[in-house]
Each structure stands twice: as structure tokens, then as C-alpha cells.
Protein backbone atom coordinates (compact mmCIF):
# COMPACT_ATOMS: atom_id res chain seq x y z
CA UNK A 1 -69.34 -13.14 -10.09
CA UNK A 2 -70.27 -10.63 -12.78
CA UNK A 3 -73.41 -8.58 -12.24
CA UNK A 4 -74.97 -7.35 -15.47
CA UNK A 5 -77.74 -4.82 -16.04
CA UNK A 6 -79.84 -5.05 -19.20
CA UNK A 7 -81.11 -1.80 -20.74
CA UNK A 8 -83.43 -1.34 -23.69
CA UNK A 9 -86.83 -0.10 -24.75
CA UNK A 10 -89.92 -1.27 -22.89
CA UNK A 11 -92.58 1.29 -23.88
CA UNK A 12 -94.40 0.83 -27.15
CA UNK A 13 -94.87 -2.89 -27.69
CA UNK A 14 -94.48 -3.70 -23.99
CA UNK A 15 -94.96 -7.47 -24.04
CA UNK A 16 -92.62 -8.12 -26.97
CA UNK A 17 -90.02 -5.72 -25.57
CA UNK A 18 -90.17 -7.35 -22.13
CA UNK A 19 -89.66 -10.76 -23.73
CA UNK A 20 -86.39 -9.46 -25.24
CA UNK A 21 -85.20 -8.64 -21.70
CA UNK A 22 -86.15 -12.08 -20.36
CA UNK A 23 -84.51 -13.88 -23.30
CA UNK A 24 -81.32 -11.85 -22.90
CA UNK A 25 -81.34 -12.47 -19.14
CA UNK A 26 -81.66 -16.21 -19.68
CA UNK A 27 -78.68 -16.23 -22.04
CA UNK A 28 -76.58 -14.09 -19.73
CA UNK A 29 -77.46 -16.19 -16.68
CA UNK A 30 -76.27 -19.26 -18.59
CA UNK A 31 -72.79 -17.66 -18.62
CA UNK A 32 -72.83 -17.43 -14.81
CA UNK A 33 -73.79 -13.77 -14.58
CA UNK A 34 -76.19 -12.28 -12.06
CA UNK A 35 -78.65 -10.32 -14.19
CA UNK A 36 -80.73 -7.29 -13.25
CA UNK A 37 -83.22 -5.40 -15.43
CA UNK A 38 -86.36 -3.31 -15.23
CA UNK A 39 -88.70 -5.53 -17.25
CA UNK A 40 -89.79 -7.39 -14.14
CA UNK A 41 -90.69 -4.31 -12.10
CA UNK A 42 -94.36 -3.88 -11.14
CA UNK A 43 -96.67 -1.68 -13.16
CA UNK A 44 -97.89 1.59 -11.66
CA UNK A 45 -94.82 3.49 -10.47
CA UNK A 46 -93.90 6.94 -11.74
CA UNK A 47 -91.04 7.44 -14.17
CA UNK A 48 -88.81 8.97 -11.44
CA UNK A 49 -89.53 5.95 -9.20
CA UNK A 50 -88.59 3.51 -11.97
CA UNK A 51 -85.40 5.42 -12.72
CA UNK A 52 -84.43 5.53 -9.05
CA UNK A 53 -84.76 1.73 -8.85
CA UNK A 54 -82.90 1.25 -12.13
CA UNK A 55 -80.02 3.48 -11.07
CA UNK A 56 -79.66 1.45 -7.87
CA UNK A 57 -79.55 -1.76 -9.94
CA UNK A 58 -76.97 -0.24 -12.29
CA UNK A 59 -74.75 0.73 -9.35
CA UNK A 60 -74.78 -2.91 -8.25
CA UNK A 61 -73.40 -4.06 -11.62
CA UNK A 62 -70.05 -4.06 -13.37
CA UNK A 63 -71.44 -4.06 -16.91
CA UNK A 64 -74.50 -3.00 -18.87
CA UNK A 65 -75.91 -4.69 -21.97
CA UNK A 66 -77.71 -2.36 -24.37
CA UNK A 67 -80.46 -4.12 -26.31
CA UNK A 68 -81.38 -3.10 -29.86
CA UNK A 69 -83.53 0.02 -29.99
CA UNK A 70 -82.15 1.47 -26.75
CA UNK A 71 -81.51 4.86 -28.38
CA UNK A 72 -85.26 5.28 -28.99
CA UNK A 73 -85.92 4.94 -25.25
CA UNK A 74 -85.43 7.95 -22.99
CA UNK A 75 -85.03 5.65 -19.98
CA UNK A 76 -82.47 3.34 -21.63
CA UNK A 77 -80.55 6.36 -22.95
CA UNK A 78 -80.40 7.80 -19.42
CA UNK A 79 -79.23 4.40 -18.13
CA UNK A 80 -76.50 4.31 -20.78
CA UNK A 81 -75.14 7.72 -19.81
CA UNK A 82 -75.35 6.90 -16.11
CA UNK A 83 -73.48 3.60 -16.63
CA UNK A 84 -70.87 5.40 -18.74
CA UNK A 85 -70.43 8.10 -16.08
CA UNK A 86 -69.83 5.58 -13.29
CA UNK A 87 -67.43 3.51 -15.39
CA UNK A 88 -69.36 0.34 -16.24
CA UNK A 89 -68.29 -1.85 -19.12
CA UNK A 90 -70.84 -1.26 -21.90
CA UNK A 91 -71.88 -3.99 -24.33
CA UNK A 92 -73.99 -3.22 -27.39
CA UNK A 93 -76.10 -6.02 -28.84
CA UNK A 94 -76.18 -4.94 -32.50
CA UNK A 95 -79.26 -6.80 -33.79
CA UNK A 96 -81.76 -9.23 -32.34
CA UNK A 97 -80.90 -10.95 -29.09
CA UNK A 98 -77.45 -12.24 -29.97
CA UNK A 99 -75.86 -12.19 -26.54
CA UNK A 100 -73.02 -14.51 -27.54
CA UNK A 101 -71.91 -12.07 -30.22
CA UNK A 102 -72.52 -9.07 -28.00
CA UNK A 103 -70.63 -10.53 -25.07
CA UNK A 104 -67.63 -11.23 -27.31
CA UNK A 105 -67.18 -7.46 -27.44
CA UNK A 106 -66.11 -7.46 -23.78
CA UNK A 107 -64.56 -10.87 -23.23
């Protein structure tokens, strides 16, 4: 079993950005992966609380998928550096939600 964390921007256009997470999760789950991400977390927590939860999810995974626009998100950037520090495989989805192309980078 491969556990995968999805990172990307959520703030800004929240509903559209969250849909990108759910679409990516659906595609990844179709490959047999267990998928974790922050887009389904409840509204109303503080930024440190969200990051604490996200770091725990990242520690449970063996790879992280970086959605387009992740560099414009302070949270996703922190998740990237954390995943890199703990040795996760990092997959960059270059444009759109093209998980098949992105996953070929680590197959």
C-alpha cells in the first residue's frame, strides 16, 4: 500500500482549489493509493492547528504530490520542505490535474 499526501493551494478561490484536491485524490485512489490531504478538514481551526494535522498526515505517507500553484501557498511550501526533510518521494504535477503524467515521474 502506498500512502500519498496531496499538497497545494487552498486559500484564495477555496472551492475551486478544494475541487483540485478531490479530483487528484480520486485519480490517485484509482491507482490503489491511500490518499490524505487537508482539503477535507473542517473550517475554523487556526493555522498552527491545520499545520499540526497536516504534518501528522505527511508523516503517515511515503510520497507527496504537489499540485500546481503550491509555491504560492505558505502552507503547501512548508509541507514540501517538511516532506523533503523527512525523505518522502516528491511528485510535481506540472499543469492542471494530470496525475497520470505526474505519477510517471516516480514510477
